[in-house]
Amino acid sequence: MAEAITERRGIPAASFVQDVQSYLTQSDLDVNSALAFLQERLQQYRVVEMKLLAQQRDLQAKIPDIEKCLDIVATLQAKKDSSEALIADFEVAEGIYSRAKIEDAESVCLWLGANVMLQYSCEEATALLQTNLENAKASLEVLVADLQFLRDQVTTTQVTTARVYNWDVHQRRLRQATTPKES
């Protein structure tokens, strides 16, 4: 008997097939249709896995960038209270750097994406970056859990495919054994 089918964030759960004959009867499928369905489901899982892995890579690259921005804003805030200027090298374009002397930083400009940059006070920037960091880490945790769930579904579907295939081979052998041989 197959387990009840559930899902996780739109990813359908694969049911473990205990009894292949009952599974085929309940699903109203023949062996070839069941195998085709299972292969299609595996392909769908692979597509979802590729999307999730791309999202995971993006988040894993984004988190260090946010942390670096937080460090920079913290450094600016620390230097704001002292009388000494901060000397910084910053990237103007890819591979092109310039040196800047920052004496009194009351605000910072942050890229928000889509070619949008906004100016924030250092406190506001810290709060925004901290929120973005927490959200990115939470999203990464959810993605990792989704990927684990997905891998479990792939494994279950592969086992089910093997069980259906092996059941079919066994049934064919039984039919050949019971069919009278012609001389």
C-alpha atoms as a PDB file:
ATOM      1  CA  MET A   1       0.000   0.000   0.000  1.00  0.00           C
ATOM      2  CA  ALA A   2       1.345   3.457  -0.849  1.00  0.00           C
ATOM      3  CA  GLU A   3       1.751   6.102   1.853  1.00  0.00           C
ATOM      4  CA  ALA A   4      -0.371   9.246   1.840  1.00  0.00           C
ATOM      5  CA  ILE A   5       1.082  11.830  -0.538  1.00  0.00           C
ATOM      6  CA  THR A   6       2.088  15.166   0.934  1.00  0.00           C
ATOM      7  CA  GLU A   7       4.257  18.013  -0.284  1.00  0.00           C
ATOM      8  CA  ARG A   8       6.781  20.551   0.931  1.00  0.00           C
ATOM      9  CA  ARG A   9       6.615  24.062  -0.500  1.00  0.00           C
ATOM     10  CA  GLY A  10       5.155  22.830  -3.767  1.00  0.00           C
ATOM     11  CA  ILE A  11       7.427  19.794  -4.093  1.00  0.00           C
ATOM     12  CA  PRO A  12       5.242  16.687  -4.248  1.00  0.00           C
ATOM     13  CA  ALA A  13       6.261  13.843  -1.995  1.00  0.00           C
ATOM     14  CA  ALA A  14       7.006  10.466  -3.482  1.00  0.00           C
ATOM     15  CA  SER A  15       5.133   7.551  -2.003  1.00  0.00           C
ATOM     16  CA  PHE A  16       6.995   4.402  -1.075  1.00  0.00           C
ATOM     17  CA  VAL A  17       5.407   1.433  -2.811  1.00  0.00           C
ATOM     18  CA  GLN A  18       5.149  -1.599  -0.577  1.00  0.00           C
ATOM     19  CA  ASP A  19       3.000  -3.725  -2.886  1.00  0.00           C
ATOM     20  CA  VAL A  20       3.540  -3.086  -6.603  1.00  0.00           C
ATOM     21  CA  GLN A  21       0.396  -4.939  -7.714  1.00  0.00           C
ATOM     22  CA  SER A  22      -1.800  -2.825  -5.415  1.00  0.00           C
ATOM     23  CA  TYR A  23       0.014   0.343  -6.519  1.00  0.00           C
ATOM     24  CA  LEU A  24      -0.628  -0.408 -10.197  1.00  0.00           C
ATOM     25  CA  THR A  25      -4.256  -1.310  -9.534  1.00  0.00           C
ATOM     26  CA  GLN A  26      -4.957   1.775  -7.395  1.00  0.00           C
ATOM     27  CA  SER A  27      -3.162   4.067  -9.845  1.00  0.00           C
ATOM     28  CA  ASP A  28      -4.962   2.433 -12.788  1.00  0.00           C
ATOM     29  CA  LEU A  29      -1.627   2.094 -14.613  1.00  0.00           C
ATOM     30  CA  ASP A  30       0.133  -0.647 -16.488  1.00  0.00           C
ATOM     31  CA  VAL A  31       3.830  -1.266 -15.829  1.00  0.00           C
ATOM     32  CA  ASN A  32       5.072   0.836 -18.762  1.00  0.00           C
ATOM     33  CA  SER A  33       2.839   3.774 -17.837  1.00  0.00           C
ATOM     34  CA  ALA A  34       3.938   3.565 -14.208  1.00  0.00           C
ATOM     35  CA  LEU A  35       7.609   3.501 -15.196  1.00  0.00           C
ATOM     36  CA  ALA A  36       7.073   6.450 -17.565  1.00  0.00           C
ATOM     37  CA  PHE A  37       5.303   8.373 -14.800  1.00  0.00           C
ATOM     38  CA  LEU A  38       8.110   7.668 -12.343  1.00  0.00           C
ATOM     39  CA  GLN A  39      10.772   8.726 -14.852  1.00  0.00           C
ATOM     40  CA  GLU A  40       8.875  11.943 -15.546  1.00  0.00           C
ATOM     41  CA  ARG A  41       8.622  12.619 -11.821  1.00  0.00           C
ATOM     42  CA  LEU A  42      12.386  12.069 -11.479  1.00  0.00           C
ATOM     43  CA  GLN A  43      12.970  14.610 -14.252  1.00  0.00           C
ATOM     44  CA  GLN A  44      10.719  17.113 -12.477  1.00  0.00           C
ATOM     45  CA  TYR A  45      12.656  16.591  -9.262  1.00  0.00           C
ATOM     46  CA  ARG A  46      15.937  17.179 -11.124  1.00  0.00           C
ATOM     47  CA  VAL A  47      14.654  20.470 -12.573  1.00  0.00           C
ATOM     48  CA  VAL A  48      13.540  21.663  -9.143  1.00  0.00           C
ATOM     49  CA  GLU A  49      16.871  20.564  -7.678  1.00  0.00           C
ATOM     50  CA  MET A  50      18.776  22.634 -10.247  1.00  0.00           C
ATOM     51  CA  LYS A  51      16.699  25.719  -9.397  1.00  0.00           C
ATOM     52  CA  LEU A  52      17.163  25.234  -5.661  1.00  0.00           C
ATOM     53  CA  LEU A  53      20.909  24.700  -6.044  1.00  0.00           C
ATOM     54  CA  ALA A  54      21.168  27.944  -8.053  1.00  0.00           C
ATOM     55  CA  GLN A  55      19.265  29.800  -5.327  1.00  0.00           C
ATOM     56  CA  GLN A  56      21.530  28.253  -2.701  1.00  0.00           C
ATOM     57  CA  ARG A  57      24.676  29.375  -4.563  1.00  0.00           C
ATOM     58  CA  ASP A  58      23.259  32.905  -4.869  1.00  0.00           C
ATOM     59  CA  LEU A  59      22.500  33.080  -1.156  1.00  0.00           C
ATOM     60  CA  GLN A  60      25.865  31.619  -0.202  1.00  0.00           C
ATOM     61  CA  ALA A  61      27.532  34.366  -2.246  1.00  0.00           C
ATOM     62  CA  LYS A  62      25.224  37.079  -0.906  1.00  0.00           C
ATOM     63  CA  ILE A  63      25.739  36.377   2.813  1.00  0.00           C
ATOM     64  CA  PRO A  64      29.495  37.173   2.877  1.00  0.00           C
ATOM     65  CA  ASP A  65      28.823  40.358   0.879  1.00  0.00           C
ATOM     66  CA  ILE A  66      26.253  41.523   3.422  1.00  0.00           C
ATOM     67  CA  GLU A  67      28.609  40.663   6.299  1.00  0.00           C
ATOM     68  CA  LYS A  68      31.397  42.642   4.600  1.00  0.00           C
ATOM     69  CA  CYS A  69      29.070  45.641   4.207  1.00  0.00           C
ATOM     70  CA  LEU A  70      28.147  45.407   7.883  1.00  0.00           C
ATOM     71  CA  ASP A  71      31.842  45.421   8.805  1.00  0.00           C
ATOM     72  CA  ILE A  72      32.469  48.461   6.636  1.00  0.00           C
ATOM     73  CA  VAL A  73      29.570  50.394   8.161  1.00  0.00           C
ATOM     74  CA  ALA A  74      30.778  49.421  11.654  1.00  0.00           C
ATOM     75  CA  THR A  75      34.268  50.676  10.768  1.00  0.00           C
ATOM     76  CA  LEU A  76      32.806  53.964   9.503  1.00  0.00           C
ATOM     77  CA  GLN A  77      30.803  54.368  12.701  1.00  0.00           C
ATOM     78  CA  ALA A  78      33.872  53.663  14.847  1.00  0.00           C
ATOM     79  CA  LYS A  79      35.953  56.208  12.901  1.00  0.00           C
ATOM     80  CA  LYS A  80      33.151  58.785  13.094  1.00  0.00           C
ATOM     81  CA  ASP A  81      33.670  59.137  16.823  1.00  0.00           C
ATOM     82  CA  SER A  82      37.455  59.510  16.495  1.00  0.00           C
ATOM     83  CA  SER A  83      39.159  62.505  14.939  1.00  0.00           C
ATOM     84  CA  GLU A  84      41.297  60.515  12.502  1.00  0.00           C
ATOM     85  CA  ALA A  85      40.309  60.016   8.868  1.00  0.00           C
ATOM     86  CA  LEU A  86      39.771  56.638   7.295  1.00  0.00           C
ATOM     87  CA  ILE A  87      41.816  55.844   4.194  1.00  0.00           C
ATOM     88  CA  ALA A  88      40.065  53.300   1.987  1.00  0.00           C
ATOM     89  CA  ASP A  89      40.649  51.748  -1.412  1.00  0.00           C
ATOM     90  CA  PHE A  90      37.439  51.076  -3.287  1.00  0.00           C
ATOM     91  CA  GLU A  91      36.633  49.510  -6.617  1.00  0.00           C
ATOM     92  CA  VAL A  92      35.448  52.024  -9.221  1.00  0.00           C
ATOM     93  CA  ALA A  93      35.064  49.450 -11.976  1.00  0.00           C
ATOM     94  CA  GLU A  94      36.216  45.883 -12.376  1.00  0.00           C
ATOM     95  CA  GLY A  95      39.944  45.905 -11.692  1.00  0.00           C
ATOM     96  CA  ILE A  96      40.115  49.699 -11.250  1.00  0.00           C
ATOM     97  CA  TYR A  97      40.552  51.026  -7.716  1.00  0.00           C
ATOM     98  CA  SER A  98      40.754  54.479  -6.190  1.00  0.00           C
ATOM     99  CA  ARG A  99      41.865  55.700  -2.793  1.00  0.00           C
ATOM    100  CA  ALA A 100      39.550  57.837  -0.677  1.00  0.00           C
ATOM    101  CA  LYS A 101      40.005  59.768   2.521  1.00  0.00           C
ATOM    102  CA  ILE A 102      36.830  59.597   4.597  1.00  0.00           C
ATOM    103  CA  GLU A 103      36.827  62.160   7.387  1.00  0.00           C
ATOM    104  CA  ASP A 104      33.308  62.312   8.748  1.00  0.00           C
ATOM    105  CA  ALA A 105      30.827  59.726   7.471  1.00  0.00           C
ATOM    106  CA  GLU A 106      27.314  60.537   8.590  1.00  0.00           C
ATOM    107  CA  SER A 107      25.716  58.351   5.940  1.00  0.00           C
ATOM    108  CA  VAL A 108      26.419  55.581   3.451  1.00  0.00           C
ATOM    109  CA  CYS A 109      24.954  54.652   0.083  1.00  0.00           C
ATOM    110  CA  LEU A 110      23.798  51.084  -0.438  1.00  0.00           C
ATOM    111  CA  TRP A 111      23.050  49.319  -3.706  1.00  0.00           C
ATOM    112  CA  LEU A 112      19.601  47.805  -3.419  1.00  0.00           C
ATOM    113  CA  GLY A 113      19.667  46.091  -6.805  1.00  0.00           C
ATOM    114  CA  ALA A 114      18.069  46.895 -10.153  1.00  0.00           C
ATOM    115  CA  ASN A 115      20.513  49.836 -10.473  1.00  0.00           C
ATOM    116  CA  VAL A 116      19.046  51.505  -7.384  1.00  0.00           C
ATOM    117  CA  MET A 117      21.241  53.099  -4.735  1.00  0.00           C
ATOM    118  CA  LEU A 118      19.900  54.843  -1.628  1.00  0.00           C
ATOM    119  CA  GLN A 119      21.583  56.911   1.039  1.00  0.00           C
ATOM    120  CA  TYR A 120      21.118  55.830   4.657  1.00  0.00           C
ATOM    121  CA  SER A 121      22.450  57.000   7.965  1.00  0.00           C
ATOM    122  CA  CYS A 122      24.993  54.552   9.383  1.00  0.00           C
ATOM    123  CA  GLU A 123      22.448  53.347  11.963  1.00  0.00           C
ATOM    124  CA  GLU A 124      19.747  52.809   9.331  1.00  0.00           C
ATOM    125  CA  ALA A 125      22.229  51.027   7.061  1.00  0.00           C
ATOM    126  CA  THR A 126      23.283  48.737   9.901  1.00  0.00           C
ATOM    127  CA  ALA A 127      19.660  47.890  10.707  1.00  0.00           C
ATOM    128  CA  LEU A 128      18.822  47.249   7.045  1.00  0.00           C
ATOM    129  CA  LEU A 129      21.913  45.116   6.444  1.00  0.00           C
ATOM    130  CA  GLN A 130      21.318  43.147   9.649  1.00  0.00           C
ATOM    131  CA  THR A 131      17.731  42.442   8.566  1.00  0.00           C
ATOM    132  CA  ASN A 132      18.925  41.409   5.107  1.00  0.00           C
ATOM    133  CA  LEU A 133      21.544  39.119   6.650  1.00  0.00           C
ATOM    134  CA  GLU A 134      19.004  37.442   8.939  1.00  0.00           C
ATOM    135  CA  ASN A 135      16.574  36.979   6.027  1.00  0.00           C
ATOM    136  CA  ALA A 136      19.295  35.532   3.796  1.00  0.00           C
ATOM    137  CA  LYS A 137      20.401  33.077   6.496  1.00  0.00           C
ATOM    138  CA  ALA A 138      16.796  32.026   7.157  1.00  0.00           C
ATOM    139  CA  SER A 139      16.190  31.549   3.426  1.00  0.00           C
ATOM    140  CA  LEU A 140      19.349  29.461   3.179  1.00  0.00           C
ATOM    141  CA  GLU A 141      18.154  27.209   6.014  1.00  0.00           C
ATOM    142  CA  VAL A 142      14.820  26.686   4.253  1.00  0.00           C
ATOM    143  CA  LEU A 143      16.590  25.939   0.963  1.00  0.00           C
ATOM    144  CA  VAL A 144      18.853  23.374   2.625  1.00  0.00           C
ATOM    145  CA  ALA A 145      15.796  21.674   4.153  1.00  0.00           C
ATOM    146  CA  ASP A 146      14.018  21.755   0.769  1.00  0.00           C
ATOM    147  CA  LEU A 147      17.037  20.183  -0.905  1.00  0.00           C
ATOM    148  CA  GLN A 148      17.171  17.425   1.699  1.00  0.00           C
ATOM    149  CA  PHE A 149      13.453  16.749   1.262  1.00  0.00           C
ATOM    150  CA  LEU A 150      13.939  16.699  -2.502  1.00  0.00           C
ATOM    151  CA  ARG A 151      16.841  14.254  -2.282  1.00  0.00           C
ATOM    152  CA  ASP A 152      14.691  11.958  -0.143  1.00  0.00           C
ATOM    153  CA  GLN A 153      11.959  12.103  -2.796  1.00  0.00           C
ATOM    154  CA  VAL A 154      14.441  11.291  -5.560  1.00  0.00           C
ATOM    155  CA  THR A 155      15.698   8.284  -3.598  1.00  0.00           C
ATOM    156  CA  THR A 156      12.158   7.082  -2.884  1.00  0.00           C
ATOM    157  CA  THR A 157      11.187   7.470  -6.548  1.00  0.00           C
ATOM    158  CA  GLN A 158      14.294   5.588  -7.692  1.00  0.00           C
ATOM    159  CA  VAL A 159      13.519   2.752  -5.271  1.00  0.00           C
ATOM    160  CA  THR A 160       9.908   2.665  -6.473  1.00  0.00           C
ATOM    161  CA  THR A 161      11.054   2.573 -10.091  1.00  0.00           C
ATOM    162  CA  ALA A 162      13.359  -0.342  -9.326  1.00  0.00           C
ATOM    163  CA  ARG A 163      10.609  -2.173  -7.439  1.00  0.00           C
ATOM    164  CA  VAL A 164       8.120  -1.759 -10.308  1.00  0.00           C
ATOM    165  CA  TYR A 165      10.705  -2.852 -12.882  1.00  0.00           C
ATOM    166  CA  ASN A 166      11.789  -5.876 -10.835  1.00  0.00           C
ATOM    167  CA  TRP A 167       8.162  -6.832 -10.192  1.00  0.00           C
ATOM    168  CA  ASP A 168       7.515  -6.725 -13.947  1.00  0.00           C
ATOM    169  CA  VAL A 169      10.564  -8.910 -14.662  1.00  0.00           C
ATOM    170  CA  HIS A 170       9.392 -11.391 -12.024  1.00  0.00           C
ATOM    171  CA  GLN A 171       5.860 -11.462 -13.496  1.00  0.00           C
ATOM    172  CA  ARG A 172       7.240 -12.121 -17.003  1.00  0.00           C
ATOM    173  CA  ARG A 173       9.363 -14.980 -15.707  1.00  0.00           C
ATOM    174  CA  LEU A 174       6.352 -16.489 -13.965  1.00  0.00           C
ATOM    175  CA  ARG A 175       4.324 -16.252 -17.194  1.00  0.00           C
ATOM    176  CA  GLN A 176       7.134 -17.860 -19.181  1.00  0.00           C
ATOM    177  CA  ALA A 177       7.423 -20.661 -16.624  1.00  0.00           C
ATOM    178  CA  THR A 178       3.680 -21.405 -16.743  1.00  0.00           C
ATOM    179  CA  THR A 179       3.375 -21.140 -20.532  1.00  0.00           C
ATOM    180  CA  PRO A 180       3.682 -24.573 -22.198  1.00  0.00           C
ATOM    181  CA  LYS A 181       6.810 -24.878 -24.310  1.00  0.00           C
ATOM    182  CA  GLU A 182       6.334 -25.626 -27.972  1.00  0.00           C
ATOM    183  CA  SER A 183       8.332 -28.463 -29.513  1.00  0.00           C
END
